[in-house]
Amino acid sequence: MWETIIIQPFINILLLIYEYLGQNFGIAIILFTILIRLLTYPLTVKQIKSSRALQDMNQDPDWIKVQEKYKGNKEKMAEEQMKFYKEKGVSPFSSCLPTLLQFPLILGLYQSVIRAMAQTPMQMFDLTKLVYPNFFNASELLPLNNQFLWMNLGQPDLIEVSWLPFALPIMAVIVAATSYIQSKLITPATGGAAGGGAPDQGAQMGNMMAIYMPLFMGYLAYTLASGLALYFVISNLVGIGQYALMGNAHWENVMFWKKKSPEKGIQKSGYKK
C-alpha cells in the first residue's frame, strides 16, 4: 500500500518532470518540492493561525493575571494553562503539526530518489515495475542523470578537501541553517509571566523545536542522499517565502542585532482570520 499510494506516484511525477524539463534530476526535485509546498499550503496557513493564536493568548490580560498569580507554582500554572488553552480553543501542538505531517513525504521522497537513481540491472528492473504502463519509455529515460551542481544526488553530500582531515557536509549545514531560520520566522515573540516569569509551555516547545528539528534535519542531510538534502533546502526556502509574502515572517527572531519588541511583533503580523 505504501508503494502504491506514495512511492509509485512520487517516482512517476519525478520522472515526468525529468523527461519534459531538460532531463536534469536536480531540477526535477526542485520543481517537485515546489509542487509539494503548494499542495501543503493549507497546512502552512493552519500553522500560522495556530502560532498567531498562541501569540495573542500570551498577550491576553487574563492569562497575564494567571501567570502572575501562579508564577511560584509550576504544577498549578500548567493546570491553569491547559484550562486556558481549552477555553480559548488553542492547541500548543497544532503549530508543530504541519512539520510532523511532512515526515511521510520526506520518507517517500527519499525512497523515490534512491529508487529512481537505479544503477544495477536488478534496481533498474524494480524501477521499471513502478513506472505506470504506457506513461514512459523506460528504456530511453533510464538511467537518470544524477549529477546536479557539485552533487551526486544518489549519495550523501560530502566534499573532500585535501588540507582538511574530514569531508565538508555543505548541504547538511545549509539544511540545518535554513531549517532554523524557517522555524524562528514562524515563531512569534512570546514573553514569560509578567515580571520576568518563566516562559509558558507553548513558548518552551517552540524554542526546543527551533533547536532540535534543524539539527535532526541536518543529520538526515548528512547521512542520506543529497537529493533529499536538496528537497529540504528548497522546501525551507519556499516556506520562508510563503511566510514573508503573507506578512507573517517574524524577522526580529533572526535579526539578533535588533532589539525584540513583542508589541511590534503583534503589529507586524498581517494574517487575518
Protein backbone atom coordinates (compact mmCIF):
# COMPACT_ATOMS: atom_id res chain seq x y z
CA MET A 1 0.00 0.00 0.00
CA TRP A 2 2.89 2.37 0.82
CA GLU A 3 4.38 1.82 -2.62
CA THR A 4 1.04 2.24 -4.39
CA ILE A 5 -0.03 5.41 -2.55
CA ILE A 6 3.29 7.20 -2.03
CA ILE A 7 6.33 5.72 -3.80
CA GLN A 8 4.86 4.98 -7.21
CA PRO A 9 3.13 8.37 -7.70
CA PHE A 10 6.24 10.21 -6.45
CA ILE A 11 8.53 8.35 -8.84
CA ASN A 12 6.24 8.91 -11.81
CA ILE A 13 5.84 12.63 -11.08
CA LEU A 14 9.61 12.98 -10.73
CA LEU A 15 10.17 11.12 -14.00
CA LEU A 16 7.52 13.19 -15.76
CA ILE A 17 9.22 16.44 -14.74
CA TYR A 18 12.61 14.95 -15.56
CA GLU A 19 11.55 13.90 -19.06
CA TYR A 20 9.93 17.15 -20.13
CA LEU A 21 12.19 19.71 -18.42
CA GLY A 22 15.73 19.06 -19.54
CA GLN A 23 16.36 15.59 -18.09
CA ASN A 24 18.08 17.02 -15.02
CA PHE A 25 17.08 15.17 -11.87
CA GLY A 26 18.11 18.10 -9.65
CA ILE A 27 15.66 20.37 -11.48
CA ALA A 28 13.01 17.65 -11.18
CA ILE A 29 13.48 17.51 -7.39
CA ILE A 30 13.31 21.33 -7.11
CA LEU A 31 10.07 21.59 -9.11
CA PHE A 32 8.58 18.58 -7.31
CA THR A 33 9.39 20.23 -3.97
CA ILE A 34 7.64 23.45 -5.02
CA LEU A 35 4.62 21.36 -6.06
CA ILE A 36 4.54 19.65 -2.65
CA ARG A 37 4.74 23.02 -0.86
CA LEU A 38 1.83 24.32 -2.91
CA LEU A 39 -0.24 21.22 -2.10
CA THR A 40 0.54 21.55 1.62
CA TYR A 41 -0.14 25.29 1.63
CA PRO A 42 -3.37 24.86 3.67
CA LEU A 43 -1.28 23.22 6.40
CA THR A 44 1.07 26.20 6.32
CA VAL A 45 -1.88 28.56 6.81
CA LYS A 46 -3.11 26.42 9.71
CA GLN A 47 0.35 26.54 11.28
CA ILE A 48 0.40 30.34 11.02
CA LYS A 49 -3.11 30.57 12.53
CA SER A 50 -2.06 28.41 15.47
CA SER A 51 1.11 30.42 16.06
CA ARG A 52 -0.85 33.66 15.93
CA ALA A 53 -3.41 32.27 18.39
CA LEU A 54 -0.64 31.36 20.82
CA GLN A 55 0.86 34.81 20.41
CA ASP A 56 -2.47 36.51 21.10
CA MET A 57 -3.03 34.30 24.14
CA ASN A 58 0.30 35.32 25.64
CA GLN A 59 -0.77 38.97 25.42
CA ASP A 60 -4.23 38.28 26.89
CA PRO A 61 -4.69 40.26 30.16
CA ASP A 62 -6.50 37.31 31.77
CA TRP A 63 -3.59 34.98 31.00
CA ILE A 64 -1.07 37.52 32.30
CA LYS A 65 -3.00 37.61 35.57
CA VAL A 66 -2.89 33.80 35.76
CA GLN A 67 0.87 33.90 35.22
CA GLU A 68 1.32 36.47 37.97
CA LYS A 69 -0.92 34.53 40.38
CA TYR A 70 0.73 31.12 39.94
CA LYS A 71 4.29 32.01 38.91
CA GLY A 72 5.64 30.26 42.00
CA ASN A 73 3.60 27.07 41.48
CA LYS A 74 4.61 25.29 38.27
CA GLU A 75 2.11 22.46 38.70
CA LYS A 76 -0.82 24.80 39.19
CA MET A 77 0.45 27.03 36.37
CA ALA A 78 0.46 24.07 33.94
CA GLU A 79 -3.05 23.07 35.04
CA GLU A 80 -4.41 26.60 34.58
CA GLN A 81 -2.62 26.92 31.27
CA MET A 82 -4.31 23.81 29.86
CA LYS A 83 -7.68 25.17 31.04
CA PHE A 84 -6.93 28.46 29.34
CA TYR A 85 -5.96 26.67 26.11
CA LYS A 86 -9.28 24.80 26.21
CA GLU A 87 -11.33 27.93 26.88
CA LYS A 88 -9.68 29.84 24.02
CA GLY A 89 -9.69 26.88 21.62
CA VAL A 90 -5.90 26.97 21.30
CA SER A 91 -3.65 23.93 20.91
CA PRO A 92 0.07 24.33 21.74
CA PHE A 93 0.81 21.35 19.48
CA SER A 94 -1.05 22.47 16.36
CA SER A 95 1.77 24.76 15.19
CA CYS A 96 4.06 21.71 15.05
CA LEU A 97 1.54 19.50 13.22
CA PRO A 98 2.38 20.58 9.64
CA THR A 99 6.07 19.81 10.23
CA LEU A 100 5.22 16.36 11.58
CA LEU A 101 2.87 15.66 8.67
CA GLN A 102 5.75 16.23 6.28
CA PHE A 103 7.66 13.20 7.56
CA PRO A 104 5.75 10.69 5.36
CA LEU A 105 6.50 12.97 2.40
CA ILE A 106 10.17 13.12 3.38
CA LEU A 107 10.40 9.34 3.74
CA GLY A 108 8.52 8.82 0.47
CA LEU A 109 10.74 11.28 -1.39
CA TYR A 110 13.90 9.68 -0.03
CA GLN A 111 12.82 6.22 -1.14
CA SER A 112 11.69 7.60 -4.50
CA VAL A 113 15.03 9.35 -5.12
CA ILE A 114 17.01 6.24 -4.17
CA ARG A 115 14.93 4.02 -6.42
CA ALA A 116 14.98 6.48 -9.30
CA MET A 117 18.79 6.57 -9.07
CA ALA A 118 18.86 2.85 -10.01
CA GLN A 119 22.25 1.67 -11.24
CA THR A 120 22.35 -2.13 -11.18
CA PRO A 121 20.27 -4.31 -13.55
CA MET A 122 18.15 -5.55 -10.62
CA GLN A 123 17.49 -1.98 -9.44
CA MET A 124 16.58 -0.99 -13.00
CA PHE A 125 14.16 -3.90 -13.20
CA ASP A 126 12.50 -2.94 -9.92
CA LEU A 127 12.22 0.68 -11.10
CA THR A 128 10.55 -0.23 -14.39
CA LYS A 129 7.87 -2.12 -12.43
CA LEU A 130 6.95 1.14 -10.64
CA VAL A 131 6.57 3.15 -13.84
CA TYR A 132 2.95 3.49 -14.92
CA PRO A 133 2.21 1.43 -18.08
CA ASN A 134 2.35 3.45 -21.32
CA PHE A 135 3.39 6.52 -19.29
CA PHE A 136 7.10 6.50 -20.15
CA ASN A 137 9.53 4.67 -22.36
CA ALA A 138 11.75 3.50 -19.54
CA SER A 139 14.44 2.14 -21.86
CA GLU A 140 15.02 5.65 -23.27
CA LEU A 141 14.73 7.52 -19.98
CA LEU A 142 16.91 5.36 -17.73
CA PRO A 143 19.44 5.57 -16.20
CA LEU A 144 18.84 9.10 -14.95
CA ASN A 145 21.38 11.89 -14.93
CA ASN A 146 22.14 12.06 -11.21
CA GLN A 147 24.60 14.98 -11.31
CA PHE A 148 23.43 18.40 -10.15
CA LEU A 149 25.88 21.21 -9.44
CA TRP A 150 28.65 19.51 -7.41
CA MET A 151 26.40 16.74 -6.08
CA ASN A 152 25.72 13.12 -6.89
CA LEU A 153 22.06 13.13 -5.90
CA GLY A 154 22.08 9.44 -5.01
CA GLN A 155 24.91 9.85 -2.48
CA PRO A 156 25.41 11.93 0.70
CA ASP A 157 26.98 15.32 0.01
CA LEU A 158 30.49 15.14 1.48
CA ILE A 159 33.18 17.24 -0.20
CA GLU A 160 36.77 16.11 0.31
CA VAL A 161 39.29 18.92 0.81
CA SER A 162 42.97 17.98 0.67
CA TRP A 163 44.03 20.14 3.60
CA LEU A 164 41.18 19.06 5.89
CA PRO A 165 41.08 15.76 7.84
CA PHE A 166 37.32 15.46 7.27
CA ALA A 167 34.83 15.91 4.44
CA LEU A 168 32.70 19.05 4.36
CA PRO A 169 28.94 18.38 4.64
CA ILE A 170 27.93 21.53 2.71
CA MET A 171 24.28 20.61 2.14
CA ALA A 172 23.82 19.40 5.72
CA VAL A 173 24.94 22.81 7.01
CA ILE A 174 22.65 24.64 4.57
CA VAL A 175 19.73 22.38 5.54
CA ALA A 176 20.27 22.98 9.27
CA ALA A 177 20.64 26.76 8.76
CA THR A 178 17.54 27.17 6.57
CA SER A 179 15.51 24.90 8.86
CA TYR A 180 16.48 27.02 11.86
CA ILE A 181 15.66 30.28 10.09
CA GLN A 182 12.29 28.95 8.94
CA SER A 183 11.34 27.71 12.41
CA LYS A 184 12.30 31.03 14.01
CA LEU A 185 10.46 33.11 11.40
CA ILE A 186 7.15 31.40 12.16
CA THR A 187 7.61 31.61 15.96
CA PRO A 188 6.02 34.74 17.44
CA ALA A 189 7.95 36.71 20.03
CA THR A 190 6.49 35.45 23.30
CA GLY A 191 7.15 36.62 26.77
CA GLY A 192 7.00 34.78 30.04
CA ALA A 193 4.97 35.73 33.01
CA ALA A 194 4.80 39.37 33.79
CA GLY A 195 7.67 40.48 35.92
CA GLY A 196 10.15 38.05 34.45
CA GLY A 197 8.40 34.74 34.95
CA ALA A 198 9.29 31.59 33.07
CA PRO A 199 8.08 31.15 29.51
CA ASP A 200 4.91 29.14 29.09
CA GLN A 201 4.78 25.61 27.67
CA GLY A 202 3.97 26.77 24.14
CA ALA A 203 6.99 29.07 24.05
CA GLN A 204 9.26 26.39 25.54
CA MET A 205 8.07 23.85 22.98
CA GLY A 206 8.64 26.31 20.15
CA ASN A 207 12.17 27.05 21.36
CA MET A 208 13.02 23.36 21.62
CA MET A 209 11.61 22.63 18.16
CA ALA A 210 13.65 25.52 16.74
CA ILE A 211 16.84 23.86 18.01
CA TYR A 212 16.30 20.12 17.76
CA MET A 213 14.40 19.96 14.46
CA PRO A 214 17.11 21.76 12.42
CA LEU A 215 19.77 19.52 13.97
CA PHE A 216 17.74 16.45 13.10
CA MET A 217 17.15 17.64 9.54
CA GLY A 218 20.85 18.42 9.19
CA TYR A 219 21.70 14.92 10.41
CA LEU A 220 19.39 13.39 7.80
CA ALA A 221 21.01 15.54 5.10
CA TYR A 222 24.45 14.43 6.31
CA THR A 223 23.74 10.71 6.27
CA LEU A 224 21.24 10.26 3.42
CA ALA A 225 21.25 11.01 -0.31
CA SER A 226 21.94 14.63 -1.29
CA GLY A 227 18.75 14.56 -3.38
CA LEU A 228 16.86 14.59 -0.07
CA ALA A 229 19.04 17.46 1.19
CA LEU A 230 18.15 19.40 -1.96
CA TYR A 231 14.46 18.80 -1.17
CA PHE A 232 14.96 20.13 2.38
CA VAL A 233 16.70 23.31 1.24
CA ILE A 234 14.17 24.18 -1.46
CA SER A 235 11.24 23.35 0.85
CA ASN A 236 12.68 25.62 3.56
CA LEU A 237 13.30 28.49 1.13
CA VAL A 238 9.78 28.22 -0.33
CA GLY A 239 8.35 28.13 3.19
CA ILE A 240 10.28 31.26 4.16
CA GLY A 241 8.97 32.94 1.01
CA GLN A 242 5.39 31.96 1.86
CA TYR A 243 5.62 33.37 5.38
CA ALA A 244 7.17 36.60 4.07
CA LEU A 245 4.52 37.08 1.36
CA MET A 246 1.74 36.58 3.91
CA GLY A 247 3.35 39.13 6.23
CA ASN A 248 3.84 36.55 8.98
CA ALA A 249 7.62 36.21 8.99
CA HIS A 250 8.97 37.30 12.40
CA TRP A 251 12.29 38.67 11.17
CA GLU A 252 13.07 40.01 14.64
CA ASN A 253 13.69 36.41 15.74
CA VAL A 254 16.66 36.02 13.40
CA MET A 255 17.94 39.60 13.37
CA PHE A 256 19.85 39.26 16.62
CA TRP A 257 21.40 42.69 16.26
CA LYS A 258 17.99 44.30 16.64
CA LYS A 259 16.14 44.56 19.93
CA LYS A 260 12.99 42.43 20.01
CA SER A 261 9.71 44.11 20.76
CA PRO A 262 6.67 41.87 21.42
CA GLU A 263 4.34 44.80 20.78
CA LYS A 264 5.96 45.46 17.42
CA GLY A 265 5.73 41.80 16.56
CA ILE A 266 1.96 41.86 17.06
CA GLN A 267 1.56 44.92 14.88
CA LYS A 268 3.61 43.36 12.08
CA SER A 269 1.52 40.21 11.92
CA GLY A 270 -0.81 40.79 8.99
CA TYR A 271 -2.68 37.49 8.91
CA LYS A 272 -6.43 37.88 9.07
CA LYS A 273 -8.56 35.05 10.28
